[in-house]
Structure formats: C-alpha cells, structure tokens
Amino acid sequence: MRNLKEVKDALVGVEEKYRKAMVSNAQLDNEKNNLMYQVDTLKDSLMELEELLSESRRGFQDKVKECEREKHAHTVLQFQFSEMKETLKQSEELLNDIHQLHIKQEALNREICDLQETVEWKDKKIGALERQKEYSDAIRMERDELREEVVNLKDILKKHGIVLGPDLSINGEVGETEADGTPCTDPASPLAQDCQTPPNRGEQHARQHRGDTVEK
C-alpha cells in the first residue's frame, strides 16, 4: 500500500511536471511565434530600410553631382562677376576721364573765345595802327614835299636876289607870311604868284586821309 501511495505521489508529481512542461512549451511556442513574427517584421523593415538606403544613396549621388554643377556654375559666375566688376571700374574711369575732358574742353572753349576776342581786338588795333601808319606816311610825304617846296621857293628867291635869314627875314626884315608860314611879296609880282601856288596833290591827299581817319 505504501509503495502504491508513493507511486501515486510520484505519478502526481510527474503529471504536474508534465503539465508545467506543456504550459512551458506552449509559452515557448507563443514566444517563438512572436519572435518569428518580429523577425519577419524586422526583415520587412530591413528591406524597406535597404531600399530607403539605396534611394538615399542615389539621391546623395544626384545631390553630389548637382552640387558639383552648382559649384562650377558658381565659379563661372564669380569669374563673370570679376570681369564685370573690372569692366565697371574701367567704365567709371572712362566716365571720369570724359568728365575731365569735358571740363578741359569747356575751359579750352572759354580760352578760345577769349583768344578770338583778343584776336578781334588785335585786328582792330592793327587796322587802327595801319590807318595811323598810312596817316603818318601821308604826313611824312607832305612834310617832305613841303621841304622840297621850301627849297624851291628859296631857289626862286635867290634868283630874284633875295636871301632869307634863319628867321625868314628878307634883307634883314621880316616879310609878310601866309597862314602856312611861307613868305610872300606883292601879289602882282612873279614871286607872289609862286607863293600863291595852290597846295600840291600830296597835301590834298593827306588832308583828305586825315578826314577819312577822323570819320572812321
């Protein structure tokens, strides 16, 4: 009896262990299924991540190429900017030079106007001096002709036996003179007729020239 009881007790213990083992196996199966589901889920996620990684790599390569193109375009634009900046600088220098040339041209135009006025004034002065010179030449010619006339008159007086002194006196007496200082005697005498000879053409021309100069 006692052995039977021990066997029963052992059987109960074995059954309990079996039950526990079955429960444990069921739990392990559930955990296994859960883990397999998680593995599948992780595999799907991994595949999605790999696809995303591939797309990211392709996008990265595209971005790198685009960055290289942008970098090249930036270099070209920077070079063009430098050229345009230099061109602008040269244009500003040219504009400044043109402005300075305009200022110099205006100054030269003013100087030219002043010089033209000076030239006109000089021309007028030269014309006046030339007219004055002509007048002086006419006066000089008239003076020379008067001197020749005086010499001729003295020769005529000598022919009549009259000698004039330094004060134009006749034989120690001062004779009557006309308005021009030429001594004259009786109007009926040949000497008086010589004294009354009208002025020569040079004198008339000089007087006419003096009148023209005064009118101008």
C-alpha atoms as a PDB file:
ATOM      1  CA  MET A   1       0.000   0.000   0.000  1.00  0.00           C
ATOM      2  CA  ARG A   2       2.713   2.275   0.890  1.00  0.00           C
ATOM      3  CA  ASN A   3       4.514   1.699  -2.400  1.00  0.00           C
ATOM      4  CA  LEU A   4       1.326   2.325  -4.274  1.00  0.00           C
ATOM      5  CA  LYS A   5       0.894   5.592  -2.483  1.00  0.00           C
ATOM      6  CA  GLU A   6       4.444   6.537  -3.318  1.00  0.00           C
ATOM      7  CA  VAL A   7       3.844   5.589  -6.939  1.00  0.00           C
ATOM      8  CA  LYS A   8       0.688   7.668  -6.962  1.00  0.00           C
ATOM      9  CA  ASP A   9       2.512  10.562  -5.408  1.00  0.00           C
ATOM     10  CA  ALA A  10       5.302  10.161  -7.937  1.00  0.00           C
ATOM     11  CA  LEU A  11       2.758   9.974 -10.723  1.00  0.00           C
ATOM     12  CA  VAL A  12       1.064  13.116  -9.481  1.00  0.00           C
ATOM     13  CA  GLY A  13       4.461  14.815  -9.395  1.00  0.00           C
ATOM     14  CA  VAL A  14       5.234  13.630 -12.887  1.00  0.00           C
ATOM     15  CA  GLU A  15       1.852  14.794 -14.148  1.00  0.00           C
ATOM     16  CA  GLU A  16       2.429  18.168 -12.534  1.00  0.00           C
ATOM     17  CA  LYS A  17       5.806  18.388 -14.147  1.00  0.00           C
ATOM     18  CA  TYR A  18       4.300  17.299 -17.476  1.00  0.00           C
ATOM     19  CA  ARG A  19       1.580  19.903 -17.166  1.00  0.00           C
ATOM     20  CA  LYS A  20       4.128  22.524 -16.344  1.00  0.00           C
ATOM     21  CA  ALA A  21       6.279  21.372 -19.243  1.00  0.00           C
ATOM     22  CA  MET A  22       3.302  21.559 -21.580  1.00  0.00           C
ATOM     23  CA  VAL A  23       2.489  25.042 -20.348  1.00  0.00           C
ATOM     24  CA  SER A  24       6.109  25.981 -20.722  1.00  0.00           C
ATOM     25  CA  ASN A  25       6.188  24.521 -24.228  1.00  0.00           C
ATOM     26  CA  ALA A  26       3.032  26.421 -25.108  1.00  0.00           C
ATOM     27  CA  GLN A  27       4.576  29.611 -23.799  1.00  0.00           C
ATOM     28  CA  LEU A  28       7.764  28.879 -25.709  1.00  0.00           C
ATOM     29  CA  ASP A  29       5.747  28.265 -28.861  1.00  0.00           C
ATOM     30  CA  ASN A  30       3.961  31.538 -28.365  1.00  0.00           C
ATOM     31  CA  GLU A  31       7.241  33.299 -27.756  1.00  0.00           C
ATOM     32  CA  LYS A  32       8.699  31.536 -30.786  1.00  0.00           C
ATOM     33  CA  ASN A  33       5.786  32.670 -32.927  1.00  0.00           C
ATOM     34  CA  ASN A  34       6.069  36.157 -31.571  1.00  0.00           C
ATOM     35  CA  LEU A  35       9.784  36.164 -32.213  1.00  0.00           C
ATOM     36  CA  MET A  36       9.282  34.805 -35.721  1.00  0.00           C
ATOM     37  CA  TYR A  37       6.688  37.495 -36.347  1.00  0.00           C
ATOM     38  CA  GLN A  38       9.095  40.092 -35.028  1.00  0.00           C
ATOM     39  CA  VAL A  39      11.852  38.641 -37.198  1.00  0.00           C
ATOM     40  CA  ASP A  40       9.632  38.817 -40.256  1.00  0.00           C
ATOM     41  CA  THR A  41       8.628  42.325 -39.341  1.00  0.00           C
ATOM     42  CA  LEU A  42      12.256  43.274 -38.829  1.00  0.00           C
ATOM     43  CA  LYS A  43      13.152  41.653 -42.159  1.00  0.00           C
ATOM     44  CA  ASP A  44      10.460  43.690 -43.872  1.00  0.00           C
ATOM     45  CA  SER A  45      11.676  46.794 -42.093  1.00  0.00           C
ATOM     46  CA  LEU A  46      15.236  45.926 -43.027  1.00  0.00           C
ATOM     47  CA  MET A  47      14.260  45.536 -46.668  1.00  0.00           C
ATOM     48  CA  GLU A  48      12.432  48.830 -46.562  1.00  0.00           C
ATOM     49  CA  LEU A  49      15.434  50.421 -44.896  1.00  0.00           C
ATOM     50  CA  GLU A  50      17.732  48.928 -47.535  1.00  0.00           C
ATOM     51  CA  GLU A  51      15.513  50.330 -50.260  1.00  0.00           C
ATOM     52  CA  LEU A  52      15.470  53.669 -48.496  1.00  0.00           C
ATOM     53  CA  LEU A  53      19.238  53.479 -48.133  1.00  0.00           C
ATOM     54  CA  SER A  54      19.616  52.734 -51.834  1.00  0.00           C
ATOM     55  CA  GLU A  55      17.314  55.607 -52.696  1.00  0.00           C
ATOM     56  CA  SER A  56      19.216  57.808 -50.276  1.00  0.00           C
ATOM     57  CA  ARG A  57      22.497  56.816 -51.880  1.00  0.00           C
ATOM     58  CA  ARG A  58      21.117  57.529 -55.330  1.00  0.00           C
ATOM     59  CA  GLY A  59      19.742  60.845 -54.066  1.00  0.00           C
ATOM     60  CA  PHE A  60      23.076  61.584 -52.414  1.00  0.00           C
ATOM     61  CA  GLN A  61      24.921  60.892 -55.655  1.00  0.00           C
ATOM     62  CA  ASP A  62      22.470  63.113 -57.525  1.00  0.00           C
ATOM     63  CA  LYS A  63      22.936  65.817 -54.910  1.00  0.00           C
ATOM     64  CA  VAL A  64      26.718  65.471 -55.180  1.00  0.00           C
ATOM     65  CA  LYS A  65      26.516  65.851 -58.957  1.00  0.00           C
ATOM     66  CA  GLU A  66      24.148  68.796 -58.594  1.00  0.00           C
ATOM     67  CA  CYS A  67      26.493  70.316 -56.024  1.00  0.00           C
ATOM     68  CA  GLU A  68      29.392  69.922 -58.451  1.00  0.00           C
ATOM     69  CA  ARG A  69      27.350  71.596 -61.182  1.00  0.00           C
ATOM     70  CA  GLU A  70      26.353  74.399 -58.813  1.00  0.00           C
ATOM     71  CA  LYS A  71      29.964  74.764 -57.742  1.00  0.00           C
ATOM     72  CA  HIS A  72      31.089  75.003 -61.371  1.00  0.00           C
ATOM     73  CA  ALA A  73      28.293  77.485 -62.121  1.00  0.00           C
ATOM     74  CA  HIS A  74      29.315  79.494 -59.044  1.00  0.00           C
ATOM     75  CA  THR A  75      32.918  79.553 -60.269  1.00  0.00           C
ATOM     76  CA  VAL A  76      31.784  80.732 -63.709  1.00  0.00           C
ATOM     77  CA  LEU A  77      29.516  83.389 -62.181  1.00  0.00           C
ATOM     78  CA  GLN A  78      32.303  84.523 -59.879  1.00  0.00           C
ATOM     79  CA  PHE A  79      34.646  84.859 -62.868  1.00  0.00           C
ATOM     80  CA  GLN A  80      31.980  86.771 -64.815  1.00  0.00           C
ATOM     81  CA  PHE A  81      31.368  88.957 -61.762  1.00  0.00           C
ATOM     82  CA  SER A  82      35.082  89.736 -61.544  1.00  0.00           C
ATOM     83  CA  GLU A  83      35.144  90.628 -65.250  1.00  0.00           C
ATOM     84  CA  MET A  84      32.017  92.799 -64.931  1.00  0.00           C
ATOM     85  CA  LYS A  85      33.477  94.469 -61.844  1.00  0.00           C
ATOM     86  CA  GLU A  86      36.679  95.247 -63.736  1.00  0.00           C
ATOM     87  CA  THR A  87      34.641  96.467 -66.724  1.00  0.00           C
ATOM     88  CA  LEU A  88      32.569  98.673 -64.411  1.00  0.00           C
ATOM     89  CA  LYS A  89      35.749 100.056 -62.872  1.00  0.00           C
ATOM     90  CA  GLN A  90      37.164 100.819 -66.314  1.00  0.00           C
ATOM     91  CA  SER A  91      33.833 102.388 -67.339  1.00  0.00           C
ATOM     92  CA  GLU A  92      33.873 104.608 -64.250  1.00  0.00           C
ATOM     93  CA  GLU A  93      37.455 105.612 -65.027  1.00  0.00           C
ATOM     94  CA  LEU A  94      36.459 106.361 -68.636  1.00  0.00           C
ATOM     95  CA  LEU A  95      33.462 108.397 -67.450  1.00  0.00           C
ATOM     96  CA  ASN A  96      35.732 110.301 -65.080  1.00  0.00           C
ATOM     97  CA  ASP A  97      38.215 110.895 -67.910  1.00  0.00           C
ATOM     98  CA  ILE A  98      35.366 112.024 -70.191  1.00  0.00           C
ATOM     99  CA  HIS A  99      34.127 114.380 -67.466  1.00  0.00           C
ATOM    100  CA  GLN A 100      37.617 115.789 -67.043  1.00  0.00           C
ATOM    101  CA  LEU A 101      37.902 116.133 -70.833  1.00  0.00           C
ATOM    102  CA  HIS A 102      34.563 117.977 -70.917  1.00  0.00           C
ATOM    103  CA  ILE A 103      35.820 120.325 -68.212  1.00  0.00           C
ATOM    104  CA  LYS A 104      39.071 120.868 -70.133  1.00  0.00           C
ATOM    105  CA  GLN A 105      37.117 121.315 -73.369  1.00  0.00           C
ATOM    106  CA  GLU A 106      34.886 123.932 -71.738  1.00  0.00           C
ATOM    107  CA  ALA A 107      37.976 125.680 -70.387  1.00  0.00           C
ATOM    108  CA  LEU A 108      39.593 125.495 -73.838  1.00  0.00           C
ATOM    109  CA  ASN A 109      36.394 126.818 -75.429  1.00  0.00           C
ATOM    110  CA  ARG A 110      36.427 129.732 -72.998  1.00  0.00           C
ATOM    111  CA  GLU A 111      40.109 130.324 -73.762  1.00  0.00           C
ATOM    112  CA  ILE A 112      39.350 130.109 -77.487  1.00  0.00           C
ATOM    113  CA  CYS A 113      36.529 132.646 -77.094  1.00  0.00           C
ATOM    114  CA  ASP A 114      38.855 134.895 -75.111  1.00  0.00           C
ATOM    115  CA  LEU A 115      41.565 134.446 -77.735  1.00  0.00           C
ATOM    116  CA  GLN A 116      39.071 135.154 -80.518  1.00  0.00           C
ATOM    117  CA  GLU A 117      38.007 138.326 -78.743  1.00  0.00           C
ATOM    118  CA  THR A 118      41.670 139.203 -78.231  1.00  0.00           C
ATOM    119  CA  VAL A 119      42.406 138.470 -81.898  1.00  0.00           C
ATOM    120  CA  GLU A 120      39.462 140.615 -82.983  1.00  0.00           C
ATOM    121  CA  TRP A 121      40.640 143.394 -80.688  1.00  0.00           C
ATOM    122  CA  LYS A 122      44.196 142.988 -82.013  1.00  0.00           C
ATOM    123  CA  ASP A 123      42.892 143.043 -85.583  1.00  0.00           C
ATOM    124  CA  LYS A 124      41.004 146.237 -84.865  1.00  0.00           C
ATOM    125  CA  LYS A 125      44.072 147.687 -83.198  1.00  0.00           C
ATOM    126  CA  ILE A 126      46.244 146.579 -86.113  1.00  0.00           C
ATOM    127  CA  GLY A 127      43.755 148.163 -88.506  1.00  0.00           C
ATOM    128  CA  ALA A 128      43.824 151.372 -86.497  1.00  0.00           C
ATOM    129  CA  LEU A 129      47.624 151.279 -86.375  1.00  0.00           C
ATOM    130  CA  GLU A 130      47.777 150.619 -90.108  1.00  0.00           C
ATOM    131  CA  ARG A 131      45.445 153.542 -90.723  1.00  0.00           C
ATOM    132  CA  GLN A 132      47.563 155.616 -88.357  1.00  0.00           C
ATOM    133  CA  LYS A 133      50.679 154.443 -90.201  1.00  0.00           C
ATOM    134  CA  GLU A 134      49.112 155.415 -93.519  1.00  0.00           C
ATOM    135  CA  TYR A 135      48.240 158.758 -91.998  1.00  0.00           C
ATOM    136  CA  SER A 136      51.804 159.115 -90.641  1.00  0.00           C
ATOM    137  CA  ASP A 137      53.213 158.145 -94.041  1.00  0.00           C
ATOM    138  CA  ALA A 138      50.961 160.732 -95.674  1.00  0.00           C
ATOM    139  CA  ILE A 139      52.110 163.359 -93.141  1.00  0.00           C
ATOM    140  CA  ARG A 140      55.724 162.370 -93.770  1.00  0.00           C
ATOM    141  CA  MET A 141      55.208 162.643 -97.525  1.00  0.00           C
ATOM    142  CA  GLU A 142      53.538 166.008 -97.055  1.00  0.00           C
ATOM    143  CA  ARG A 143      56.433 167.160 -94.865  1.00  0.00           C
ATOM    144  CA  ASP A 144      58.984 166.030 -97.462  1.00  0.00           C
ATOM    145  CA  GLU A 145      57.010 167.740-100.230  1.00  0.00           C
ATOM    146  CA  LEU A 146      56.785 170.931 -98.149  1.00  0.00           C
ATOM    147  CA  ARG A 147      60.530 170.818 -97.557  1.00  0.00           C
ATOM    148  CA  GLU A 148      61.108 170.411-101.276  1.00  0.00           C
ATOM    149  CA  GLU A 149      58.695 173.283-101.888  1.00  0.00           C
ATOM    150  CA  VAL A 150      60.564 175.461 -99.370  1.00  0.00           C
ATOM    151  CA  VAL A 151      63.844 174.612-101.088  1.00  0.00           C
ATOM    152  CA  ASN A 152      62.316 175.504-104.452  1.00  0.00           C
ATOM    153  CA  LEU A 153      60.946 178.765-103.047  1.00  0.00           C
ATOM    154  CA  LYS A 154      64.351 179.619-101.628  1.00  0.00           C
ATOM    155  CA  ASP A 155      65.881 178.962-105.040  1.00  0.00           C
ATOM    156  CA  ILE A 156      63.280 181.264-106.626  1.00  0.00           C
ATOM    157  CA  LEU A 157      64.052 183.953-104.035  1.00  0.00           C
ATOM    158  CA  LYS A 158      67.745 183.598-104.728  1.00  0.00           C
ATOM    159  CA  LYS A 159      67.048 184.065-108.422  1.00  0.00           C
ATOM    160  CA  HIS A 160      65.323 187.378-107.543  1.00  0.00           C
ATOM    161  CA  GLY A 161      68.251 188.380-105.374  1.00  0.00           C
ATOM    162  CA  ILE A 162      66.517 187.783-102.059  1.00  0.00           C
ATOM    163  CA  VAL A 163      68.297 185.865 -99.361  1.00  0.00           C
ATOM    164  CA  LEU A 164      66.300 184.620 -96.349  1.00  0.00           C
ATOM    165  CA  GLY A 165      67.850 184.533 -92.928  1.00  0.00           C
ATOM    166  CA  PRO A 166      67.242 181.960 -90.248  1.00  0.00           C
ATOM    167  CA  ASP A 167      64.140 183.922 -89.116  1.00  0.00           C
ATOM    168  CA  LEU A 168      62.828 184.102 -92.743  1.00  0.00           C
ATOM    169  CA  SER A 169      63.608 187.854 -92.903  1.00  0.00           C
ATOM    170  CA  ILE A 170      64.189 189.466 -96.291  1.00  0.00           C
ATOM    171  CA  ASN A 171      67.400 191.531 -96.292  1.00  0.00           C
ATOM    172  CA  GLY A 172      67.181 191.898 -92.520  1.00  0.00           C
ATOM    173  CA  GLU A 173      63.339 192.485 -92.434  1.00  0.00           C
ATOM    174  CA  VAL A 174      60.599 190.076 -91.600  1.00  0.00           C
ATOM    175  CA  GLY A 175      58.330 189.773 -94.598  1.00  0.00           C
ATOM    176  CA  GLU A 176      54.605 189.113 -94.599  1.00  0.00           C
ATOM    177  CA  THR A 177      53.757 185.479 -94.360  1.00  0.00           C
ATOM    178  CA  GLU A 178      50.737 183.499 -95.201  1.00  0.00           C
ATOM    179  CA  ALA A 179      48.963 181.181 -92.843  1.00  0.00           C
ATOM    180  CA  ASP A 180      51.379 178.332 -93.591  1.00  0.00           C
ATOM    181  CA  GLY A 181      54.481 180.473 -92.742  1.00  0.00           C
ATOM    182  CA  THR A 182      55.597 180.943 -96.357  1.00  0.00           C
ATOM    183  CA  PRO A 183      56.880 184.481 -97.005  1.00  0.00           C
ATOM    184  CA  CYS A 184      55.116 186.368 -99.756  1.00  0.00           C
ATOM    185  CA  THR A 185      55.552 189.737-101.510  1.00  0.00           C
ATOM    186  CA  ASP A 186      53.340 191.805-103.742  1.00  0.00           C
ATOM    187  CA  PRO A 187      50.552 189.748-105.285  1.00  0.00           C
ATOM    188  CA  ALA A 188      51.293 191.191-108.692  1.00  0.00           C
ATOM    189  CA  SER A 189      54.928 190.072-108.713  1.00  0.00           C
ATOM    190  CA  PRO A 190      56.030 186.731-110.114  1.00  0.00           C
ATOM    191  CA  LEU A 191      57.296 185.798-106.660  1.00  0.00           C
ATOM    192  CA  ALA A 192      53.864 186.381-105.190  1.00  0.00           C
ATOM    193  CA  GLN A 193      52.329 184.268-107.913  1.00  0.00           C
ATOM    194  CA  ASP A 194      54.765 181.488-106.993  1.00  0.00           C
ATOM    195  CA  CYS A 195      53.792 181.905-103.326  1.00  0.00           C
ATOM    196  CA  GLN A 196      50.091 181.678-104.199  1.00  0.00           C
ATOM    197  CA  THR A 197      50.507 178.307-105.898  1.00  0.00           C
ATOM    198  CA  PRO A 198      47.731 176.012-104.641  1.00  0.00           C
ATOM    199  CA  PRO A 199      48.672 173.075-102.397  1.00  0.00           C
ATOM    200  CA  ASN A 200      50.030 170.075-104.176  1.00  0.00           C
ATOM    201  CA  ARG A 201      48.237 166.791-104.597  1.00  0.00           C
ATOM    202  CA  GLY A 202      50.137 165.124-101.696  1.00  0.00           C
ATOM    203  CA  GLU A 203      48.897 167.762 -99.276  1.00  0.00           C
ATOM    204  CA  GLN A 204      45.320 167.438-100.519  1.00  0.00           C
ATOM    205  CA  HIS A 205      45.563 163.647-100.239  1.00  0.00           C
ATOM    206  CA  ALA A 206      46.940 163.891 -96.672  1.00  0.00           C
ATOM    207  CA  ARG A 207      44.153 166.266 -95.624  1.00  0.00           C
ATOM    208  CA  GLN A 208      41.543 164.007 -97.209  1.00  0.00           C
ATOM    209  CA  HIS A 209      43.103 160.966 -95.464  1.00  0.00           C
ATOM    210  CA  ARG A 210      43.022 162.794 -92.128  1.00  0.00           C
ATOM    211  CA  GLY A 211      39.359 163.494 -92.668  1.00  0.00           C
ATOM    212  CA  ASP A 212      38.664 159.831 -93.508  1.00  0.00           C
ATOM    213  CA  THR A 213      40.547 158.703 -90.400  1.00  0.00           C
ATOM    214  CA  VAL A 214      38.549 161.039 -88.169  1.00  0.00           C
ATOM    215  CA  GLU A 215      35.280 159.812 -89.682  1.00  0.00           C
ATOM    216  CA  LYS A 216      36.299 156.149 -89.036  1.00  0.00           C
END
